[in-house]
């Protein structure tokens, strides 16, 4: 298993992953709506601080698995945020899921790129568990795309990760 996201504060998690570069390639998967839709969510991002972020979630583009019952109502969901930092090709930050903030930082490491994803101002430990599981599963799909290998099935990977993050963050087991 890839290293788990780390809880840095009561409202913040960080996930790090080394991905195959170059850095401009990874940047495109963050800002290009078509490429982003293959691993996370589509929708436009205005390329400037203060710009609008519109994320459109359609997991049918990232997995062959059917939506679990509890997530079916989120199919096609839209999330609107505001760009906080836009510094190509190194840093992208925007508001997400209400008042929280997500930041992607890219650092070239030879032919690879270190992606550091930090999610701040998370409202609850339950949300932290969900966000950690989701980001981890989404970045797994991104890594598979970049490494040109078969993509992991998102929902089964998410469920496995959610159980692990629930155990670590909340200190309890999650029933399947």
N, C-alpha and C. Protein backbone atom coordinates (compact mmCIF):
# COMPACT_ATOMS: atom_id res chain seq x y z
N UNK A 1 0.84 -1.18 0.00
CA UNK A 1 0.00 0.00 0.00
C UNK A 1 0.89 1.24 0.00
N UNK A 2 0.46 2.26 -0.70
CA UNK A 2 1.14 3.54 -0.71
C UNK A 2 1.00 4.16 0.67
N UNK A 3 1.99 4.97 1.04
CA UNK A 3 1.97 5.61 2.35
C UNK A 3 0.67 6.38 2.56
N UNK A 4 0.12 6.25 3.75
CA UNK A 4 -1.14 6.91 4.09
C UNK A 4 -0.96 8.41 4.30
N UNK A 5 -2.04 9.14 4.15
CA UNK A 5 -2.05 10.56 4.47
C UNK A 5 -1.78 10.71 5.97
N UNK A 6 -1.17 11.82 6.32
CA UNK A 6 -0.84 12.08 7.71
C UNK A 6 -1.73 13.18 8.27
N UNK A 7 -2.23 12.95 9.47
CA UNK A 7 -3.00 13.98 10.18
C UNK A 7 -1.99 14.93 10.81
N UNK A 8 -1.97 16.19 10.35
CA UNK A 8 -0.99 17.16 10.84
C UNK A 8 -1.54 18.04 11.95
N UNK A 9 -2.86 18.17 12.00
CA UNK A 9 -3.52 18.96 13.03
C UNK A 9 -4.94 18.44 13.14
N UNK A 10 -5.71 18.98 14.04
CA UNK A 10 -7.08 18.49 14.22
C UNK A 10 -7.96 18.77 13.02
N UNK A 11 -7.48 19.64 12.10
CA UNK A 11 -8.28 19.98 10.92
C UNK A 11 -7.48 19.92 9.62
N UNK A 12 -6.37 19.16 9.61
CA UNK A 12 -5.50 19.16 8.44
C UNK A 12 -4.85 17.79 8.21
N UNK A 13 -4.87 17.37 6.92
CA UNK A 13 -4.17 16.15 6.51
C UNK A 13 -3.27 16.47 5.33
N UNK A 14 -2.23 15.65 5.17
CA UNK A 14 -1.31 15.80 4.05
C UNK A 14 -1.00 14.43 3.46
N UNK A 15 -1.06 14.37 2.14
CA UNK A 15 -0.74 13.15 1.39
C UNK A 15 0.41 13.49 0.46
N UNK A 16 1.45 12.66 0.45
CA UNK A 16 2.59 12.85 -0.43
C UNK A 16 2.72 11.66 -1.35
N UNK A 17 3.09 11.93 -2.60
CA UNK A 17 3.25 10.85 -3.57
C UNK A 17 4.29 11.26 -4.60
N UNK A 18 5.20 10.36 -4.93
CA UNK A 18 6.16 10.59 -6.00
C UNK A 18 5.54 10.03 -7.28
N UNK A 19 5.46 10.90 -8.29
CA UNK A 19 4.83 10.55 -9.56
C UNK A 19 5.85 10.73 -10.70
N UNK A 20 5.65 10.01 -11.80
CA UNK A 20 6.55 10.20 -12.92
C UNK A 20 6.30 11.55 -13.61
N UNK A 21 7.37 12.30 -13.81
CA UNK A 21 7.27 13.64 -14.38
C UNK A 21 7.18 13.62 -15.89
N UNK A 22 7.42 14.77 -16.45
CA UNK A 22 7.91 16.00 -15.83
C UNK A 22 6.81 16.78 -15.10
N UNK A 23 7.23 17.81 -14.40
CA UNK A 23 6.32 18.59 -13.57
C UNK A 23 5.16 19.19 -14.38
N UNK A 24 5.44 19.62 -15.61
CA UNK A 24 4.40 20.22 -16.45
C UNK A 24 3.29 19.21 -16.76
N UNK A 25 3.67 17.95 -16.87
CA UNK A 25 2.69 16.88 -17.13
C UNK A 25 1.74 16.75 -15.95
N UNK A 26 2.27 16.74 -14.74
CA UNK A 26 1.43 16.62 -13.54
C UNK A 26 0.53 17.85 -13.42
N UNK A 27 1.10 19.03 -13.68
CA UNK A 27 0.34 20.27 -13.62
C UNK A 27 -0.89 20.19 -14.52
N UNK A 28 -0.72 19.66 -15.72
CA UNK A 28 -1.84 19.55 -16.65
C UNK A 28 -2.95 18.67 -16.08
N UNK A 29 -2.60 17.62 -15.34
CA UNK A 29 -3.61 16.75 -14.73
C UNK A 29 -4.32 17.43 -13.56
N UNK A 30 -3.76 18.52 -13.07
CA UNK A 30 -4.41 19.30 -12.01
C UNK A 30 -5.34 20.36 -12.59
N UNK A 31 -4.95 20.99 -13.70
CA UNK A 31 -5.69 22.16 -14.17
C UNK A 31 -6.53 21.92 -15.43
N UNK A 32 -6.20 20.94 -16.23
CA UNK A 32 -6.97 20.66 -17.45
C UNK A 32 -8.20 19.83 -17.06
N UNK A 33 -9.39 20.36 -17.35
CA UNK A 33 -10.61 19.70 -16.86
C UNK A 33 -10.80 18.29 -17.42
N UNK A 34 -10.41 18.05 -18.65
CA UNK A 34 -10.56 16.70 -19.23
C UNK A 34 -9.61 15.72 -18.55
N UNK A 35 -8.36 16.10 -18.37
CA UNK A 35 -7.39 15.22 -17.72
C UNK A 35 -7.76 14.99 -16.25
N UNK A 36 -8.19 16.07 -15.58
CA UNK A 36 -8.57 15.94 -14.16
C UNK A 36 -9.78 15.04 -13.99
N UNK A 37 -10.69 15.06 -14.99
CA UNK A 37 -11.90 14.23 -14.89
C UNK A 37 -11.59 12.74 -14.93
N UNK A 38 -10.40 12.38 -15.40
CA UNK A 38 -10.01 10.97 -15.48
C UNK A 38 -9.53 10.41 -14.14
N UNK A 39 -9.25 11.29 -13.17
CA UNK A 39 -8.77 10.80 -11.87
C UNK A 39 -9.50 11.43 -10.68
N UNK A 40 -10.16 12.57 -10.87
CA UNK A 40 -10.80 13.25 -9.75
C UNK A 40 -12.16 13.82 -10.14
N UNK A 41 -12.18 15.00 -10.72
CA UNK A 41 -13.43 15.65 -11.12
C UNK A 41 -13.13 16.61 -12.26
N UNK A 42 -14.06 16.70 -13.19
CA UNK A 42 -13.91 17.64 -14.30
C UNK A 42 -14.34 19.02 -13.88
N UNK A 43 -14.52 19.88 -14.86
CA UNK A 43 -14.96 21.24 -14.61
C UNK A 43 -13.83 22.23 -14.74
N UNK A 44 -14.18 23.47 -15.10
CA UNK A 44 -13.16 24.49 -15.35
C UNK A 44 -12.59 25.11 -14.07
N UNK A 45 -11.35 25.55 -14.20
CA UNK A 45 -10.68 26.34 -13.17
C UNK A 45 -10.18 27.60 -13.85
N UNK A 46 -10.62 28.76 -13.36
CA UNK A 46 -10.10 30.01 -13.89
C UNK A 46 -8.65 30.17 -13.41
N UNK A 47 -7.71 30.32 -14.34
CA UNK A 47 -6.28 30.30 -13.99
C UNK A 47 -5.76 31.61 -13.39
N UNK A 48 -6.32 31.96 -12.24
CA UNK A 48 -5.89 33.19 -11.56
C UNK A 48 -6.39 33.16 -10.11
N UNK A 49 -5.67 33.84 -9.25
CA UNK A 49 -6.11 33.98 -7.87
C UNK A 49 -7.45 34.71 -7.88
N UNK A 50 -8.41 34.18 -7.14
CA UNK A 50 -9.76 34.74 -7.12
C UNK A 50 -10.67 34.13 -8.16
N UNK A 51 -10.10 33.32 -9.07
CA UNK A 51 -10.89 32.68 -10.11
C UNK A 51 -11.83 31.63 -9.54
N UNK A 52 -12.81 31.26 -10.34
CA UNK A 52 -13.80 30.27 -9.93
C UNK A 52 -13.31 28.87 -10.27
N UNK A 53 -13.52 27.95 -9.35
CA UNK A 53 -13.27 26.52 -9.55
C UNK A 53 -14.63 25.85 -9.58
N UNK A 54 -14.91 25.13 -10.64
CA UNK A 54 -16.15 24.37 -10.72
C UNK A 54 -15.79 22.91 -10.95
N UNK A 55 -15.99 22.09 -9.93
CA UNK A 55 -15.69 20.67 -10.02
C UNK A 55 -16.99 19.90 -10.28
N UNK A 56 -16.93 18.99 -11.24
CA UNK A 56 -18.08 18.16 -11.59
C UNK A 56 -17.65 16.71 -11.38
N UNK A 57 -18.33 16.02 -10.46
CA UNK A 57 -17.94 14.67 -10.09
C UNK A 57 -18.71 13.63 -10.89
N UNK A 58 -17.97 12.82 -11.63
CA UNK A 58 -18.54 11.72 -12.40
C UNK A 58 -17.56 10.56 -12.34
N UNK A 59 -17.71 9.75 -11.30
CA UNK A 59 -16.78 8.65 -11.08
C UNK A 59 -16.88 7.56 -12.15
N UNK A 60 -17.90 7.62 -12.99
CA UNK A 60 -17.96 6.67 -14.11
C UNK A 60 -16.77 6.87 -15.05
N UNK A 61 -16.15 8.04 -15.02
CA UNK A 61 -14.98 8.30 -15.86
C UNK A 61 -13.69 7.73 -15.27
N UNK A 62 -13.73 7.38 -13.98
CA UNK A 62 -12.49 6.92 -13.34
C UNK A 62 -12.53 5.46 -12.89
N UNK A 63 -13.70 4.83 -12.96
CA UNK A 63 -13.79 3.44 -12.53
C UNK A 63 -14.93 2.74 -13.27
N UNK A 64 -14.81 1.43 -13.39
CA UNK A 64 -15.87 0.62 -13.97
C UNK A 64 -16.88 0.17 -12.92
N UNK A 65 -16.55 0.37 -11.66
CA UNK A 65 -17.43 -0.07 -10.57
C UNK A 65 -18.65 0.85 -10.46
N UNK A 66 -19.75 0.27 -10.04
CA UNK A 66 -20.95 1.07 -9.80
C UNK A 66 -20.78 1.88 -8.52
N UNK A 67 -21.45 3.02 -8.49
CA UNK A 67 -21.45 3.84 -7.28
C UNK A 67 -22.03 3.03 -6.12
N UNK A 68 -21.40 3.05 -4.95
CA UNK A 68 -22.04 2.46 -3.78
C UNK A 68 -23.33 3.23 -3.47
N UNK A 69 -24.28 2.56 -2.88
CA UNK A 69 -25.59 3.17 -2.60
C UNK A 69 -25.47 4.53 -1.93
N UNK A 70 -24.61 4.63 -0.91
CA UNK A 70 -24.52 5.88 -0.15
C UNK A 70 -23.95 7.05 -0.95
N UNK A 71 -23.32 6.77 -2.10
CA UNK A 71 -22.74 7.84 -2.91
C UNK A 71 -23.52 8.12 -4.19
N UNK A 72 -24.55 7.36 -4.48
CA UNK A 72 -25.29 7.54 -5.75
C UNK A 72 -25.87 8.94 -5.89
N UNK A 73 -26.29 9.53 -4.79
CA UNK A 73 -26.88 10.87 -4.85
C UNK A 73 -25.84 11.92 -5.23
N UNK A 74 -24.54 11.58 -5.13
CA UNK A 74 -23.47 12.52 -5.46
C UNK A 74 -23.04 12.45 -6.92
N UNK A 75 -23.59 11.48 -7.67
CA UNK A 75 -23.22 11.36 -9.08
C UNK A 75 -23.61 12.64 -9.81
N UNK A 76 -22.65 13.25 -10.48
CA UNK A 76 -22.90 14.51 -11.17
C UNK A 76 -22.89 15.73 -10.26
N UNK A 77 -22.54 15.52 -9.00
CA UNK A 77 -22.51 16.64 -8.04
C UNK A 77 -21.52 17.71 -8.51
N UNK A 78 -21.83 18.93 -8.15
CA UNK A 78 -20.98 20.06 -8.51
C UNK A 78 -20.51 20.76 -7.24
N UNK A 79 -19.27 21.14 -7.27
CA UNK A 79 -18.65 21.84 -6.15
C UNK A 79 -18.04 23.13 -6.72
N UNK A 80 -18.36 24.25 -6.11
CA UNK A 80 -17.80 25.53 -6.56
C UNK A 80 -16.88 26.08 -5.49
N UNK A 81 -15.71 26.51 -5.92
CA UNK A 81 -14.74 27.09 -5.00
C UNK A 81 -14.06 28.29 -5.61
N UNK A 82 -13.06 28.79 -4.89
CA UNK A 82 -12.32 29.96 -5.34
C UNK A 82 -10.83 29.64 -5.33
N UNK A 83 -10.13 30.03 -6.40
CA UNK A 83 -8.69 29.82 -6.48
C UNK A 83 -7.99 30.72 -5.47
N UNK A 84 -7.16 30.11 -4.63
CA UNK A 84 -6.40 30.85 -3.62
C UNK A 84 -4.96 31.09 -4.06
N UNK A 85 -4.40 30.10 -4.75
CA UNK A 85 -3.04 30.23 -5.30
C UNK A 85 -3.03 29.57 -6.68
N UNK A 86 -2.38 30.21 -7.63
CA UNK A 86 -2.24 29.67 -8.98
C UNK A 86 -0.85 30.05 -9.46
N UNK A 87 0.09 29.13 -9.28
CA UNK A 87 1.50 29.38 -9.57
C UNK A 87 2.05 28.25 -10.42
N UNK A 88 1.76 28.27 -11.74
CA UNK A 88 2.19 27.19 -12.63
C UNK A 88 3.72 27.08 -12.68
N UNK A 89 4.25 25.90 -12.78
CA UNK A 89 3.59 24.61 -12.62
C UNK A 89 3.83 24.02 -11.24
N UNK A 90 3.77 24.83 -10.20
CA UNK A 90 4.16 24.34 -8.88
C UNK A 90 3.07 24.29 -7.82
N UNK A 91 2.17 25.27 -7.79
CA UNK A 91 1.21 25.32 -6.69
C UNK A 91 -0.18 25.72 -7.18
N UNK A 92 -1.16 24.93 -6.76
CA UNK A 92 -2.56 25.22 -7.00
C UNK A 92 -3.29 25.03 -5.68
N UNK A 93 -4.08 26.02 -5.30
CA UNK A 93 -4.83 25.94 -4.05
C UNK A 93 -6.20 26.56 -4.28
N UNK A 94 -7.23 25.90 -3.71
CA UNK A 94 -8.58 26.44 -3.84
C UNK A 94 -9.44 26.00 -2.67
N UNK A 95 -10.55 26.75 -2.48
CA UNK A 95 -11.51 26.35 -1.46
C UNK A 95 -12.23 25.11 -1.95
N UNK A 96 -12.65 24.29 -1.00
CA UNK A 96 -13.22 23.00 -1.34
C UNK A 96 -14.20 22.58 -0.26
N UNK A 97 -15.31 22.00 -0.67
CA UNK A 97 -16.28 21.42 0.26
C UNK A 97 -16.59 22.38 1.41
N UNK A 98 -17.14 23.50 1.06
CA UNK A 98 -17.51 24.48 2.07
C UNK A 98 -16.35 25.40 2.37
N UNK A 99 -15.91 25.37 3.61
CA UNK A 99 -14.85 26.28 4.06
C UNK A 99 -13.45 25.69 4.00
N UNK A 100 -13.30 24.45 3.60
CA UNK A 100 -11.96 23.86 3.63
C UNK A 100 -11.14 24.31 2.43
N UNK A 101 -9.84 24.03 2.49
CA UNK A 101 -8.92 24.42 1.42
C UNK A 101 -8.05 23.23 1.06
N UNK A 102 -7.84 23.04 -0.24
CA UNK A 102 -6.94 22.00 -0.71
C UNK A 102 -5.82 22.66 -1.50
N UNK A 103 -4.59 22.21 -1.24
CA UNK A 103 -3.41 22.75 -1.92
C UNK A 103 -2.62 21.60 -2.51
N UNK A 104 -2.26 21.76 -3.78
CA UNK A 104 -1.40 20.82 -4.48
C UNK A 104 -0.06 21.53 -4.70
N UNK A 105 1.02 20.93 -4.22
CA UNK A 105 2.35 21.48 -4.44
C UNK A 105 3.18 20.45 -5.19
N UNK A 106 3.83 20.89 -6.25
CA UNK A 106 4.64 20.01 -7.08
C UNK A 106 6.10 20.44 -7.00
N UNK A 107 6.98 19.45 -6.80
CA UNK A 107 8.42 19.71 -6.75
C UNK A 107 9.12 18.67 -7.61
N UNK A 108 9.91 19.13 -8.58
CA UNK A 108 10.66 18.21 -9.43
C UNK A 108 11.72 17.50 -8.59
N UNK A 109 11.83 16.20 -8.80
CA UNK A 109 12.83 15.36 -8.13
C UNK A 109 13.47 14.51 -9.22
N UNK A 110 14.42 15.09 -9.96
CA UNK A 110 14.98 14.40 -11.11
C UNK A 110 13.90 14.26 -12.17
N UNK A 111 13.68 13.04 -12.65
CA UNK A 111 12.63 12.83 -13.66
C UNK A 111 11.26 12.62 -13.01
N UNK A 112 11.22 12.56 -11.69
CA UNK A 112 9.96 12.38 -10.96
C UNK A 112 9.50 13.71 -10.38
N UNK A 113 8.29 13.67 -9.82
CA UNK A 113 7.70 14.86 -9.20
C UNK A 113 7.09 14.45 -7.87
N UNK A 114 7.41 15.22 -6.84
CA UNK A 114 6.77 15.02 -5.54
C UNK A 114 5.50 15.84 -5.52
N UNK A 115 4.36 15.17 -5.36
CA UNK A 115 3.07 15.83 -5.17
C UNK A 115 2.80 15.85 -3.67
N UNK A 116 2.57 17.02 -3.13
CA UNK A 116 2.15 17.17 -1.74
C UNK A 116 0.77 17.78 -1.77
N UNK A 117 -0.21 17.04 -1.30
CA UNK A 117 -1.60 17.47 -1.25
C UNK A 117 -1.94 17.74 0.21
N UNK A 118 -2.29 18.97 0.53
CA UNK A 118 -2.64 19.34 1.90
C UNK A 118 -4.08 19.84 1.91
N UNK A 119 -4.89 19.25 2.79
CA UNK A 119 -6.28 19.65 2.95
C UNK A 119 -6.41 20.25 4.34
N UNK A 120 -6.79 21.54 4.40
CA UNK A 120 -6.88 22.30 5.65
C UNK A 120 -8.32 22.67 5.96
N UNK A 121 -8.50 23.03 7.23
CA UNK A 121 -9.80 23.53 7.71
C UNK A 121 -10.92 22.51 7.51
N UNK A 122 -10.61 21.27 7.81
CA UNK A 122 -11.59 20.19 7.72
C UNK A 122 -12.47 20.26 8.97
N UNK A 123 -13.77 20.25 8.77
CA UNK A 123 -14.73 20.54 9.84
C UNK A 123 -14.80 19.50 10.96
N UNK A 124 -14.53 18.22 10.66
CA UNK A 124 -14.68 17.19 11.68
C UNK A 124 -13.74 16.03 11.40
N UNK A 125 -13.55 15.19 12.40
CA UNK A 125 -12.71 14.00 12.20
C UNK A 125 -13.37 13.02 11.22
N UNK A 126 -14.70 12.97 11.21
CA UNK A 126 -15.40 12.11 10.25
C UNK A 126 -15.13 12.59 8.82
N UNK A 127 -15.16 13.92 8.61
CA UNK A 127 -14.83 14.47 7.30
C UNK A 127 -13.37 14.20 6.96
N UNK A 128 -12.49 14.30 7.95
CA UNK A 128 -11.08 14.03 7.72
C UNK A 128 -10.88 12.60 7.23
N UNK A 129 -11.61 11.67 7.83
CA UNK A 129 -11.54 10.27 7.41
C UNK A 129 -11.99 10.12 5.96
N UNK A 130 -13.10 10.74 5.62
CA UNK A 130 -13.64 10.66 4.27
C UNK A 130 -12.71 11.33 3.26
N UNK A 131 -12.25 12.54 3.57
CA UNK A 131 -11.35 13.25 2.65
C UNK A 131 -10.04 12.49 2.47
N UNK A 132 -9.48 11.97 3.56
CA UNK A 132 -8.22 11.21 3.46
C UNK A 132 -8.39 10.01 2.56
N UNK A 133 -9.48 9.28 2.75
CA UNK A 133 -9.77 8.10 1.92
C UNK A 133 -9.96 8.49 0.47
N UNK A 134 -10.73 9.53 0.24
CA UNK A 134 -11.01 9.98 -1.12
C UNK A 134 -9.78 10.48 -1.83
N UNK A 135 -9.03 11.38 -1.19
CA UNK A 135 -7.82 11.88 -1.83
C UNK A 135 -6.85 10.75 -2.14
N UNK A 136 -6.68 9.85 -1.19
CA UNK A 136 -5.76 8.73 -1.39
C UNK A 136 -6.19 7.90 -2.60
N UNK A 137 -7.46 7.56 -2.66
CA UNK A 137 -7.97 6.75 -3.78
C UNK A 137 -7.87 7.50 -5.11
N UNK A 138 -8.16 8.80 -5.10
CA UNK A 138 -8.06 9.59 -6.32
C UNK A 138 -6.61 9.69 -6.80
N UNK A 139 -5.68 9.93 -5.88
CA UNK A 139 -4.27 10.03 -6.27
C UNK A 139 -3.74 8.67 -6.73
N UNK A 140 -4.27 7.58 -6.18
CA UNK A 140 -3.91 6.25 -6.70
C UNK A 140 -4.28 6.14 -8.18
N UNK A 141 -5.46 6.62 -8.54
CA UNK A 141 -5.91 6.58 -9.95
C UNK A 141 -5.00 7.48 -10.79
N UNK A 142 -4.67 8.66 -10.29
CA UNK A 142 -3.76 9.55 -11.02
C UNK A 142 -2.41 8.87 -11.25
N UNK A 143 -1.89 8.25 -10.22
CA UNK A 143 -0.60 7.56 -10.37
C UNK A 143 -0.69 6.47 -11.43
N UNK A 144 -1.77 5.70 -11.42
CA UNK A 144 -1.93 4.64 -12.42
C UNK A 144 -1.97 5.23 -13.83
N UNK A 145 -2.68 6.33 -14.02
CA UNK A 145 -2.73 6.99 -15.33
C UNK A 145 -1.34 7.42 -15.77
N UNK A 146 -0.61 8.08 -14.87
CA UNK A 146 0.71 8.60 -15.21
C UNK A 146 1.72 7.49 -15.48
N UNK A 147 1.55 6.37 -14.80
CA UNK A 147 2.46 5.23 -15.00
C UNK A 147 1.99 4.32 -16.13
N UNK A 148 0.88 4.73 -16.77
CA UNK A 148 0.31 4.01 -17.91
C UNK A 148 0.07 2.54 -17.60
N UNK A 149 -0.59 2.33 -16.46
CA UNK A 149 -0.97 0.97 -16.06
C UNK A 149 -2.46 0.95 -15.80
N UNK A 150 -3.01 -0.24 -15.69
CA UNK A 150 -4.44 -0.36 -15.45
C UNK A 150 -4.81 0.38 -14.17
N UNK A 151 -5.87 1.19 -14.25
CA UNK A 151 -6.29 1.96 -13.09
C UNK A 151 -6.93 1.06 -12.04
N UNK A 152 -6.62 1.35 -10.78
CA UNK A 152 -7.27 0.66 -9.67
C UNK A 152 -8.75 1.01 -9.69
N UNK A 153 -9.55 0.08 -9.24
CA UNK A 153 -10.99 0.33 -9.13
C UNK A 153 -11.21 1.29 -7.96
N UNK A 154 -11.82 2.42 -8.25
CA UNK A 154 -11.91 3.49 -7.26
C UNK A 154 -12.71 3.10 -6.02
N UNK A 155 -13.93 2.61 -6.19
CA UNK A 155 -14.81 2.41 -5.04
C UNK A 155 -14.33 1.33 -4.10
N UNK A 156 -13.82 0.22 -4.61
CA UNK A 156 -13.31 -0.82 -3.70
C UNK A 156 -12.04 -0.35 -3.00
N UNK A 157 -11.21 0.41 -3.70
CA UNK A 157 -10.02 0.98 -3.08
C UNK A 157 -10.43 1.99 -2.01
N UNK A 158 -11.40 2.85 -2.32
CA UNK A 158 -11.90 3.82 -1.35
C UNK A 158 -12.41 3.11 -0.09
N UNK A 159 -13.19 2.05 -0.26
CA UNK A 159 -13.76 1.34 0.90
C UNK A 159 -12.65 0.76 1.78
N UNK A 160 -11.64 0.18 1.16
CA UNK A 160 -10.51 -0.38 1.91
C UNK A 160 -9.78 0.73 2.66
N UNK A 161 -9.53 1.84 1.97
CA UNK A 161 -8.83 2.97 2.59
C UNK A 161 -9.67 3.62 3.69
N UNK A 162 -10.98 3.71 3.47
CA UNK A 162 -11.85 4.31 4.47
C UNK A 162 -11.81 3.51 5.77
N UNK A 163 -11.79 2.20 5.66
CA UNK A 163 -11.69 1.36 6.87
C UNK A 163 -10.37 1.63 7.60
N UNK A 164 -9.29 1.77 6.84
CA UNK A 164 -7.97 2.02 7.44
C UNK A 164 -7.91 3.41 8.07
N UNK A 165 -8.37 4.42 7.37
CA UNK A 165 -8.35 5.77 7.92
C UNK A 165 -9.31 5.91 9.10
N UNK A 166 -10.43 5.22 9.08
CA UNK A 166 -11.35 5.25 10.22
C UNK A 166 -10.66 4.67 11.45
N UNK A 167 -9.95 3.58 11.26
CA UNK A 167 -9.22 2.96 12.37
C UNK A 167 -8.15 3.91 12.92
N UNK A 168 -7.43 4.56 12.02
CA UNK A 168 -6.32 5.43 12.44
C UNK A 168 -6.82 6.76 13.01
N UNK A 169 -7.70 7.43 12.31
CA UNK A 169 -8.13 8.78 12.70
C UNK A 169 -9.18 8.75 13.80
N UNK A 170 -10.13 7.86 13.68
CA UNK A 170 -11.22 7.81 14.67
C UNK A 170 -10.98 6.77 15.75
N UNK A 171 -10.00 5.89 15.52
CA UNK A 171 -9.69 4.87 16.51
C UNK A 171 -10.74 3.80 16.64
N UNK A 172 -11.45 3.50 15.54
CA UNK A 172 -12.46 2.45 15.60
C UNK A 172 -12.56 1.75 14.25
N UNK A 173 -13.18 0.58 14.28
CA UNK A 173 -13.38 -0.16 13.04
C UNK A 173 -14.65 0.34 12.37
N UNK A 174 -14.63 0.30 11.03
CA UNK A 174 -15.82 0.71 10.28
C UNK A 174 -16.43 -0.54 9.65
N UNK A 175 -17.70 -0.78 9.92
CA UNK A 175 -18.39 -1.93 9.34
C UNK A 175 -18.54 -1.70 7.84
N UNK A 176 -18.40 -2.77 7.08
CA UNK A 176 -18.50 -2.65 5.62
C UNK A 176 -19.91 -2.36 5.18
